[in-house]
C-alpha cells in the first residue's frame, strides 16, 4: 500500500528508512514511460 509516486512509476518502487528520520531518506523505482514525451 506504500504507493508514493504511483502516477510517476511503472514497476517496482522502494524507499529506504533510517533511525532518526521519520520520512524516507531515499526513494527510487522504475519509470519506463517518462521518456515518451521527449520523443
ModelCIF file with pLDDT and N, C-alpha, C, O atoms, coordinates in Angstrom:
data_MODEL
#
_entry.id   MODEL 
#
_entity.id                         1 
_entity.type                       polymer 
_entity.pdbx_number_of_molecules   1 
#
_entity_poly.entity_id                      1 
_entity_poly.type                           'polypeptide(L)' 
_entity_poly.nstd_linkage                   no 
_entity_poly.nstd_monomer                   no 
_entity_poly.pdbx_seq_one_letter_code       
;(UNK)(UNK)(UNK)(UNK)(UNK)(UNK)(UNK)(UNK)(UNK)(UNK)(UNK)(UNK)(UNK)(UNK)(UNK)(UNK)
(UNK)(UNK)(UNK)(UNK)(UNK)(UNK)(UNK)(UNK)(UNK)(UNK)(UNK)(UNK)(UNK)(UNK)(UNK)(UNK)
(UNK)(UNK)(UNK)(UNK)(UNK)(UNK)(UNK)
;
_entity_poly.pdbx_seq_one_letter_code_can   XXXXXXXXXXXXXXXXXXXXXXXXXXXXXXXXXXXXXXX 
_entity_poly.pdbx_strand_id                 A 
#
loop_
_entity_poly_seq.entity_id 
_entity_poly_seq.num 
_entity_poly_seq.mon_id 
_entity_poly_seq.hetero 
1 1  UNK n 
1 2  UNK n 
1 3  UNK n 
1 4  UNK n 
1 5  UNK n 
1 6  UNK n 
1 7  UNK n 
1 8  UNK n 
1 9  UNK n 
1 10 UNK n 
1 11 UNK n 
1 12 UNK n 
1 13 UNK n 
1 14 UNK n 
1 15 UNK n 
1 16 UNK n 
1 17 UNK n 
1 18 UNK n 
1 19 UNK n 
1 20 UNK n 
1 21 UNK n 
1 22 UNK n 
1 23 UNK n 
1 24 UNK n 
1 25 UNK n 
1 26 UNK n 
1 27 UNK n 
1 28 UNK n 
1 29 UNK n 
1 30 UNK n 
1 31 UNK n 
1 32 UNK n 
1 33 UNK n 
1 34 UNK n 
1 35 UNK n 
1 36 UNK n 
1 37 UNK n 
1 38 UNK n 
1 39 UNK n 
#
_struct_asym.id          A 
_struct_asym.entity_id   1 
#
loop_
_ma_qa_metric.id 
_ma_qa_metric.mode 
_ma_qa_metric.name 
_ma_qa_metric.software_group_id 
_ma_qa_metric.type 
1 global pLDDT . pLDDT 
2 local  pLDDT . pLDDT 
#
_ma_qa_metric_global.metric_id      1 
_ma_qa_metric_global.metric_value   83.62 
_ma_qa_metric_global.model_id       1 
_ma_qa_metric_global.ordinal_id     1 
#
loop_
_ma_qa_metric_local.label_asym_id 
_ma_qa_metric_local.label_comp_id 
_ma_qa_metric_local.label_seq_id 
_ma_qa_metric_local.metric_id 
_ma_qa_metric_local.metric_value 
_ma_qa_metric_local.model_id 
_ma_qa_metric_local.ordinal_id 
A UNK 1  2 89.00 1 1  
A UNK 2  2 84.00 1 2  
A UNK 3  2 79.00 1 3  
A UNK 4  2 75.00 1 4  
A UNK 5  2 67.00 1 5  
A UNK 6  2 63.00 1 6  
A UNK 7  2 69.00 1 7  
A UNK 8  2 75.00 1 8  
A UNK 9  2 82.00 1 9  
A UNK 10 2 84.00 1 10 
A UNK 11 2 89.00 1 11 
A UNK 12 2 93.00 1 12 
A UNK 13 2 93.00 1 13 
A UNK 14 2 94.00 1 14 
A UNK 15 2 93.00 1 15 
A UNK 16 2 94.00 1 16 
A UNK 17 2 92.00 1 17 
A UNK 18 2 90.00 1 18 
A UNK 19 2 86.00 1 19 
A UNK 20 2 79.00 1 20 
A UNK 21 2 83.00 1 21 
A UNK 22 2 82.00 1 22 
A UNK 23 2 84.00 1 23 
A UNK 24 2 89.00 1 24 
A UNK 25 2 92.00 1 25 
A UNK 26 2 94.00 1 26 
A UNK 27 2 93.00 1 27 
A UNK 28 2 94.00 1 28 
A UNK 29 2 93.00 1 29 
A UNK 30 2 93.00 1 30 
A UNK 31 2 88.00 1 31 
A UNK 32 2 86.00 1 32 
A UNK 33 2 78.00 1 33 
A UNK 34 2 76.00 1 34 
A UNK 35 2 72.00 1 35 
A UNK 36 2 73.00 1 36 
A UNK 37 2 71.00 1 37 
A UNK 38 2 76.00 1 38 
A UNK 39 2 74.00 1 39 
#
loop_
_atom_site.group_PDB 
_atom_site.id 
_atom_site.type_symbol 
_atom_site.label_atom_id 
_atom_site.label_alt_id 
_atom_site.label_comp_id 
_atom_site.label_asym_id 
_atom_site.label_entity_id 
_atom_site.label_seq_id 
_atom_site.pdbx_PDB_ins_code 
_atom_site.Cartn_x 
_atom_site.Cartn_y 
_atom_site.Cartn_z 
_atom_site.occupancy 
_atom_site.B_iso_or_equiv 
_atom_site.pdbx_formal_charge 
_atom_site.auth_seq_id 
_atom_site.auth_comp_id 
_atom_site.auth_asym_id 
_atom_site.auth_atom_id 
_atom_site.pdbx_PDB_model_num 
ATOM 1   N N  . UNK A 1 1  ? 0.823  -1.218 0.000   1.00 89.00 ? 1  UNK A N  1 
ATOM 2   C CA . UNK A 1 1  ? 0.000  0.000  0.000   1.00 89.00 ? 1  UNK A CA 1 
ATOM 3   C C  . UNK A 1 1  ? 0.854  1.264  0.000   1.00 89.00 ? 1  UNK A C  1 
ATOM 4   O O  . UNK A 1 1  ? 0.305  2.364  -0.050  1.00 89.00 ? 1  UNK A O  1 
ATOM 5   N N  . UNK A 1 2  ? 2.179  1.142  0.055   1.00 84.00 ? 2  UNK A N  1 
ATOM 6   C CA . UNK A 1 2  ? 3.062  2.322  0.045   1.00 84.00 ? 2  UNK A CA 1 
ATOM 7   C C  . UNK A 1 2  ? 3.264  2.747  -1.396  1.00 84.00 ? 2  UNK A C  1 
ATOM 8   O O  . UNK A 1 2  ? 4.215  2.320  -2.051  1.00 84.00 ? 2  UNK A O  1 
ATOM 9   N N  . UNK A 1 3  ? 2.357  3.599  -1.893  1.00 79.00 ? 3  UNK A N  1 
ATOM 10  C CA . UNK A 1 3  ? 2.318  3.912  -3.319  1.00 79.00 ? 3  UNK A CA 1 
ATOM 11  C C  . UNK A 1 3  ? 2.724  5.348  -3.626  1.00 79.00 ? 3  UNK A C  1 
ATOM 12  O O  . UNK A 1 3  ? 2.246  5.924  -4.604  1.00 79.00 ? 3  UNK A O  1 
ATOM 13  N N  . UNK A 1 4  ? 3.584  5.930  -2.822  1.00 75.00 ? 4  UNK A N  1 
ATOM 14  C CA . UNK A 1 4  ? 4.057  7.287  -3.105  1.00 75.00 ? 4  UNK A CA 1 
ATOM 15  C C  . UNK A 1 4  ? 4.753  7.284  -4.479  1.00 75.00 ? 4  UNK A C  1 
ATOM 16  O O  . UNK A 1 4  ? 5.638  6.464  -4.721  1.00 75.00 ? 4  UNK A O  1 
ATOM 17  N N  . UNK A 1 5  ? 4.360  8.185  -5.359  1.00 67.00 ? 5  UNK A N  1 
ATOM 18  C CA . UNK A 1 5  ? 4.915  8.211  -6.706  1.00 67.00 ? 5  UNK A CA 1 
ATOM 19  C C  . UNK A 1 5  ? 4.194  7.282  -7.667  1.00 67.00 ? 5  UNK A C  1 
ATOM 20  O O  . UNK A 1 5  ? 4.709  6.972  -8.741  1.00 67.00 ? 5  UNK A O  1 
ATOM 21  N N  . UNK A 1 6  ? 3.008  6.838  -7.285  1.00 63.00 ? 6  UNK A N  1 
ATOM 22  C CA . UNK A 1 6  ? 2.241  5.876  -8.094  1.00 63.00 ? 6  UNK A CA 1 
ATOM 23  C C  . UNK A 1 6  ? 2.035  6.360  -9.528  1.00 63.00 ? 6  UNK A C  1 
ATOM 24  O O  . UNK A 1 6  ? 2.193  5.581  -10.468 1.00 63.00 ? 6  UNK A O  1 
ATOM 25  N N  . UNK A 1 7  ? 1.684  7.638  -9.709  1.00 69.00 ? 7  UNK A N  1 
ATOM 26  C CA . UNK A 1 7  ? 1.397  8.147  -11.049 1.00 69.00 ? 7  UNK A CA 1 
ATOM 27  C C  . UNK A 1 7  ? 2.663  8.287  -11.887 1.00 69.00 ? 7  UNK A C  1 
ATOM 28  O O  . UNK A 1 7  ? 2.598  8.386  -13.112 1.00 69.00 ? 7  UNK A O  1 
ATOM 29  N N  . UNK A 1 8  ? 3.786  8.296  -11.233 1.00 75.00 ? 8  UNK A N  1 
ATOM 30  C CA . UNK A 1 8  ? 5.062  8.531  -11.906 1.00 75.00 ? 8  UNK A CA 1 
ATOM 31  C C  . UNK A 1 8  ? 5.759  7.221  -12.260 1.00 75.00 ? 8  UNK A C  1 
ATOM 32  O O  . UNK A 1 8  ? 6.364  7.102  -13.325 1.00 75.00 ? 8  UNK A O  1 
ATOM 33  N N  . UNK A 1 9  ? 5.670  6.240  -11.364 1.00 82.00 ? 9  UNK A N  1 
ATOM 34  C CA . UNK A 1 9  ? 6.395  4.981  -11.549 1.00 82.00 ? 9  UNK A CA 1 
ATOM 35  C C  . UNK A 1 9  ? 5.589  3.979  -12.369 1.00 82.00 ? 9  UNK A C  1 
ATOM 36  O O  . UNK A 1 9  ? 4.381  4.126  -12.550 1.00 82.00 ? 9  UNK A O  1 
ATOM 37  N N  . UNK A 1 10 ? 6.292  2.954  -12.860 1.00 84.00 ? 10 UNK A N  1 
ATOM 38  C CA . UNK A 1 10 ? 5.653  1.960  -13.712 1.00 84.00 ? 10 UNK A CA 1 
ATOM 39  C C  . UNK A 1 10 ? 5.939  0.531  -13.269 1.00 84.00 ? 10 UNK A C  1 
ATOM 40  O O  . UNK A 1 10 ? 5.479  -0.406 -13.921 1.00 84.00 ? 10 UNK A O  1 
ATOM 41  N N  . UNK A 1 11 ? 6.675  0.335  -12.194 1.00 89.00 ? 11 UNK A N  1 
ATOM 42  C CA . UNK A 1 11 ? 7.010  -1.021 -11.757 1.00 89.00 ? 11 UNK A CA 1 
ATOM 43  C C  . UNK A 1 11 ? 7.386  -1.037 -10.292 1.00 89.00 ? 11 UNK A C  1 
ATOM 44  O O  . UNK A 1 11 ? 6.675  -0.492 -9.448  1.00 89.00 ? 11 UNK A O  1 
ATOM 45  N N  . UNK A 1 12 ? 8.525  -1.676 -9.995  1.00 93.00 ? 12 UNK A N  1 
ATOM 46  C CA . UNK A 1 12 ? 8.989  -1.775 -8.612  1.00 93.00 ? 12 UNK A CA 1 
ATOM 47  C C  . UNK A 1 12 ? 9.345  -0.390 -8.073  1.00 93.00 ? 12 UNK A C  1 
ATOM 48  O O  . UNK A 1 12 ? 9.947  0.421  -8.777  1.00 93.00 ? 12 UNK A O  1 
ATOM 49  N N  . UNK A 1 13 ? 8.968  -0.124 -6.817  1.00 93.00 ? 13 UNK A N  1 
ATOM 50  C CA . UNK A 1 13 ? 9.355  1.098  -6.116  1.00 93.00 ? 13 UNK A CA 1 
ATOM 51  C C  . UNK A 1 13 ? 10.002 0.696  -4.795  1.00 93.00 ? 13 UNK A C  1 
ATOM 52  O O  . UNK A 1 13 ? 9.686  -0.357 -4.240  1.00 93.00 ? 13 UNK A O  1 
ATOM 53  N N  . UNK A 1 14 ? 10.906 1.532  -4.294  1.00 94.00 ? 14 UNK A N  1 
ATOM 54  C CA . UNK A 1 14 ? 11.475 1.255  -2.982  1.00 94.00 ? 14 UNK A CA 1 
ATOM 55  C C  . UNK A 1 14 ? 11.704 2.547  -2.227  1.00 94.00 ? 14 UNK A C  1 
ATOM 56  O O  . UNK A 1 14 ? 11.830 3.620  -2.817  1.00 94.00 ? 14 UNK A O  1 
ATOM 57  N N  . UNK A 1 15 ? 11.756 2.423  -0.906  1.00 93.00 ? 15 UNK A N  1 
ATOM 58  C CA . UNK A 1 15 ? 12.041 3.551  -0.023  1.00 93.00 ? 15 UNK A CA 1 
ATOM 59  C C  . UNK A 1 15 ? 12.951 3.046  1.076   1.00 93.00 ? 15 UNK A C  1 
ATOM 60  O O  . UNK A 1 15 ? 12.742 1.959  1.616   1.00 93.00 ? 15 UNK A O  1 
ATOM 61  N N  . UNK A 1 16 ? 13.976 3.845  1.412   1.00 94.00 ? 16 UNK A N  1 
ATOM 62  C CA . UNK A 1 16 ? 14.922 3.474  2.467   1.00 94.00 ? 16 UNK A CA 1 
ATOM 63  C C  . UNK A 1 16 ? 14.669 4.345  3.691   1.00 94.00 ? 16 UNK A C  1 
ATOM 64  O O  . UNK A 1 16 ? 14.608 5.570  3.589   1.00 94.00 ? 16 UNK A O  1 
ATOM 65  N N  . UNK A 1 17 ? 14.525 3.712  4.834   1.00 92.00 ? 17 UNK A N  1 
ATOM 66  C CA . UNK A 1 17 ? 14.286 4.405  6.099   1.00 92.00 ? 17 UNK A CA 1 
ATOM 67  C C  . UNK A 1 17 ? 15.447 4.141  7.058   1.00 92.00 ? 17 UNK A C  1 
ATOM 68  O O  . UNK A 1 17 ? 16.004 3.044  7.089   1.00 92.00 ? 17 UNK A O  1 
ATOM 69  N N  . UNK A 1 18 ? 15.800 5.155  7.834   1.00 90.00 ? 18 UNK A N  1 
ATOM 70  C CA . UNK A 1 18 ? 16.915 5.035  8.773   1.00 90.00 ? 18 UNK A CA 1 
ATOM 71  C C  . UNK A 1 18 ? 16.501 5.642  10.110  1.00 90.00 ? 18 UNK A C  1 
ATOM 72  O O  . UNK A 1 18 ? 15.615 6.496  10.147  1.00 90.00 ? 18 UNK A O  1 
ATOM 73  N N  . UNK A 1 19 ? 17.128 5.215  11.213  1.00 86.00 ? 19 UNK A N  1 
ATOM 74  C CA . UNK A 1 19 ? 16.808 5.793  12.520  1.00 86.00 ? 19 UNK A CA 1 
ATOM 75  C C  . UNK A 1 19 ? 17.079 7.294  12.548  1.00 86.00 ? 19 UNK A C  1 
ATOM 76  O O  . UNK A 1 19 ? 18.058 7.764  11.969  1.00 86.00 ? 19 UNK A O  1 
ATOM 77  N N  . UNK A 1 20 ? 16.212 8.039  13.218  1.00 79.00 ? 20 UNK A N  1 
ATOM 78  C CA . UNK A 1 20 ? 16.396 9.477  13.366  1.00 79.00 ? 20 UNK A CA 1 
ATOM 79  C C  . UNK A 1 20 ? 15.725 10.315 12.309  1.00 79.00 ? 20 UNK A C  1 
ATOM 80  O O  . UNK A 1 20 ? 15.813 11.542 12.343  1.00 79.00 ? 20 UNK A O  1 
ATOM 81  N N  . UNK A 1 21 ? 15.044 9.665  11.355  1.00 83.00 ? 21 UNK A N  1 
ATOM 82  C CA . UNK A 1 21 ? 14.370 10.415 10.293  1.00 83.00 ? 21 UNK A CA 1 
ATOM 83  C C  . UNK A 1 21 ? 13.012 9.785  10.033  1.00 83.00 ? 21 UNK A C  1 
ATOM 84  O O  . UNK A 1 21 ? 12.952 8.610  9.670   1.00 83.00 ? 21 UNK A O  1 
ATOM 85  N N  . UNK A 1 22 ? 11.906 10.530 10.208  1.00 82.00 ? 22 UNK A N  1 
ATOM 86  C CA . UNK A 1 22 ? 10.579 9.925  10.043  1.00 82.00 ? 22 UNK A CA 1 
ATOM 87  C C  . UNK A 1 22 ? 10.234 9.608  8.592   1.00 82.00 ? 22 UNK A C  1 
ATOM 88  O O  . UNK A 1 22 ? 9.488  8.667  8.322   1.00 82.00 ? 22 UNK A O  1 
ATOM 89  N N  . UNK A 1 23 ? 10.773 10.384 7.661   1.00 84.00 ? 23 UNK A N  1 
ATOM 90  C CA . UNK A 1 23 ? 10.489 10.155 6.248   1.00 84.00 ? 23 UNK A CA 1 
ATOM 91  C C  . UNK A 1 23 ? 11.576 9.309  5.621   1.00 84.00 ? 23 UNK A C  1 
ATOM 92  O O  . UNK A 1 23 ? 12.635 9.106  6.215   1.00 84.00 ? 23 UNK A O  1 
ATOM 93  N N  . UNK A 1 24 ? 11.316 8.816  4.424   1.00 89.00 ? 24 UNK A N  1 
ATOM 94  C CA . UNK A 1 24 ? 12.311 8.025  3.706   1.00 89.00 ? 24 UNK A CA 1 
ATOM 95  C C  . UNK A 1 24 ? 13.524 8.882  3.379   1.00 89.00 ? 24 UNK A C  1 
ATOM 96  O O  . UNK A 1 24 ? 13.378 10.026 2.951   1.00 89.00 ? 24 UNK A O  1 
ATOM 97  N N  . UNK A 1 25 ? 14.720 8.337  3.578   1.00 92.00 ? 25 UNK A N  1 
ATOM 98  C CA . UNK A 1 25 ? 15.933 9.071  3.256   1.00 92.00 ? 25 UNK A CA 1 
ATOM 99  C C  . UNK A 1 25 ? 16.285 8.921  1.773   1.00 92.00 ? 25 UNK A C  1 
ATOM 100 O O  . UNK A 1 25 ? 17.021 9.741  1.222   1.00 92.00 ? 25 UNK A O  1 
ATOM 101 N N  . UNK A 1 26 ? 15.764 7.885  1.134   1.00 94.00 ? 26 UNK A N  1 
ATOM 102 C CA . UNK A 1 26 ? 15.991 7.671  -0.301  1.00 94.00 ? 26 UNK A CA 1 
ATOM 103 C C  . UNK A 1 26 ? 14.757 7.004  -0.891  1.00 94.00 ? 26 UNK A C  1 
ATOM 104 O O  . UNK A 1 26 ? 14.122 6.171  -0.243  1.00 94.00 ? 26 UNK A O  1 
ATOM 105 N N  . UNK A 1 27 ? 14.424 7.371  -2.113  1.00 93.00 ? 27 UNK A N  1 
ATOM 106 C CA . UNK A 1 27 ? 13.314 6.742  -2.823  1.00 93.00 ? 27 UNK A CA 1 
ATOM 107 C C  . UNK A 1 27 ? 13.724 6.465  -4.256  1.00 93.00 ? 27 UNK A C  1 
ATOM 108 O O  . UNK A 1 27 ? 14.499 7.213  -4.852  1.00 93.00 ? 27 UNK A O  1 
ATOM 109 N N  . UNK A 1 28 ? 13.194 5.380  -4.802  1.00 94.00 ? 28 UNK A N  1 
ATOM 110 C CA . UNK A 1 28 ? 13.529 5.062  -6.182  1.00 94.00 ? 28 UNK A CA 1 
ATOM 111 C C  . UNK A 1 28 ? 12.535 4.089  -6.767  1.00 94.00 ? 28 UNK A C  1 
ATOM 112 O O  . UNK A 1 28 ? 11.587 3.665  -6.105  1.00 94.00 ? 28 UNK A O  1 
ATOM 113 N N  . UNK A 1 29 ? 12.768 3.740  -8.026  1.00 93.00 ? 29 UNK A N  1 
ATOM 114 C CA . UNK A 1 29 ? 11.898 2.789  -8.690  1.00 93.00 ? 29 UNK A CA 1 
ATOM 115 C C  . UNK A 1 29 ? 11.937 2.947  -10.194 1.00 93.00 ? 29 UNK A C  1 
ATOM 116 O O  . UNK A 1 29 ? 12.704 3.741  -10.739 1.00 93.00 ? 29 UNK A O  1 
ATOM 117 N N  . UNK A 1 30 ? 11.091 2.170  -10.853 1.00 93.00 ? 30 UNK A N  1 
ATOM 118 C CA . UNK A 1 30 ? 11.068 2.130  -12.319 1.00 93.00 ? 30 UNK A CA 1 
ATOM 119 C C  . UNK A 1 30 ? 10.030 3.107  -12.862 1.00 93.00 ? 30 UNK A C  1 
ATOM 120 O O  . UNK A 1 30 ? 8.933  3.241  -12.319 1.00 93.00 ? 30 UNK A O  1 
ATOM 121 N N  . UNK A 1 31 ? 10.411 3.800  -13.969 1.00 88.00 ? 31 UNK A N  1 
ATOM 122 C CA . UNK A 1 31 ? 9.515  4.790  -14.586 1.00 88.00 ? 31 UNK A CA 1 
ATOM 123 C C  . UNK A 1 31 ? 9.715  4.759  -16.102 1.00 88.00 ? 31 UNK A C  1 
ATOM 124 O O  . UNK A 1 31 ? 10.256 5.699  -16.683 1.00 88.00 ? 31 UNK A O  1 
ATOM 125 N N  . UNK A 1 32 ? 9.280  3.686  -16.727 1.00 86.00 ? 32 UNK A N  1 
ATOM 126 C CA . UNK A 1 32 ? 9.578  3.443  -18.144 1.00 86.00 ? 32 UNK A CA 1 
ATOM 127 C C  . UNK A 1 32 ? 8.911  4.413  -19.112 1.00 86.00 ? 32 UNK A C  1 
ATOM 128 O O  . UNK A 1 32 ? 9.384  4.561  -20.238 1.00 86.00 ? 32 UNK A O  1 
ATOM 129 N N  . UNK A 1 33 ? 7.835  5.075  -18.716 1.00 78.00 ? 33 UNK A N  1 
ATOM 130 C CA . UNK A 1 33 ? 7.041  5.846  -19.680 1.00 78.00 ? 33 UNK A CA 1 
ATOM 131 C C  . UNK A 1 33 ? 7.463  7.310  -19.828 1.00 78.00 ? 33 UNK A C  1 
ATOM 132 O O  . UNK A 1 33 ? 6.998  7.984  -20.746 1.00 78.00 ? 33 UNK A O  1 
ATOM 133 N N  . UNK A 1 34 ? 8.330  7.816  -18.950 1.00 76.00 ? 34 UNK A N  1 
ATOM 134 C CA . UNK A 1 34 ? 8.597  9.252  -18.916 1.00 76.00 ? 34 UNK A CA 1 
ATOM 135 C C  . UNK A 1 34 ? 9.248  9.744  -20.206 1.00 76.00 ? 34 UNK A C  1 
ATOM 136 O O  . UNK A 1 34 ? 8.939  10.842 -20.669 1.00 76.00 ? 34 UNK A O  1 
ATOM 137 N N  . UNK A 1 35 ? 10.136 8.956  -20.790 1.00 72.00 ? 35 UNK A N  1 
ATOM 138 C CA . UNK A 1 35 ? 10.845 9.396  -21.992 1.00 72.00 ? 35 UNK A CA 1 
ATOM 139 C C  . UNK A 1 35 ? 9.973  9.574  -23.215 1.00 72.00 ? 35 UNK A C  1 
ATOM 140 O O  . UNK A 1 35 ? 10.404 10.192 -24.188 1.00 72.00 ? 35 UNK A O  1 
ATOM 141 N N  . UNK A 1 36 ? 8.738  9.042  -23.195 1.00 73.00 ? 36 UNK A N  1 
ATOM 142 C CA . UNK A 1 36 ? 7.862  9.120  -24.362 1.00 73.00 ? 36 UNK A CA 1 
ATOM 143 C C  . UNK A 1 36 ? 7.623  10.567 -24.792 1.00 73.00 ? 36 UNK A C  1 
ATOM 144 O O  . UNK A 1 36 ? 7.643  10.866 -25.986 1.00 73.00 ? 36 UNK A O  1 
ATOM 145 N N  . UNK A 1 37 ? 7.400  11.454 -23.847 1.00 71.00 ? 37 UNK A N  1 
ATOM 146 C CA . UNK A 1 37 ? 7.102  12.850 -24.179 1.00 71.00 ? 37 UNK A CA 1 
ATOM 147 C C  . UNK A 1 37 ? 8.303  13.574 -24.762 1.00 71.00 ? 37 UNK A C  1 
ATOM 148 O O  . UNK A 1 37 ? 8.155  14.638 -25.364 1.00 71.00 ? 37 UNK A O  1 
ATOM 149 N N  . UNK A 1 38 ? 9.494  13.005 -24.588 1.00 76.00 ? 38 UNK A N  1 
ATOM 150 C CA . UNK A 1 38 ? 10.698 13.611 -25.141 1.00 76.00 ? 38 UNK A CA 1 
ATOM 151 C C  . UNK A 1 38 ? 11.095 12.948 -26.466 1.00 76.00 ? 38 UNK A C  1 
ATOM 152 O O  . UNK A 1 38 ? 12.195 13.171 -26.974 1.00 76.00 ? 38 UNK A O  1 
ATOM 153 N N  . UNK A 1 39 ? 10.199 12.141 -27.014 1.00 74.00 ? 39 UNK A N  1 
ATOM 154 C CA . UNK A 1 39 ? 10.423 11.588 -28.338 1.00 74.00 ? 39 UNK A CA 1 
ATOM 155 C C  . UNK A 1 39 ? 10.967 10.182 -28.386 1.00 74.00 ? 39 UNK A C  1 
ATOM 156 O O  . UNK A 1 39 ? 11.185 9.641  -29.470 1.00 74.00 ? 39 UNK A O  1 
#
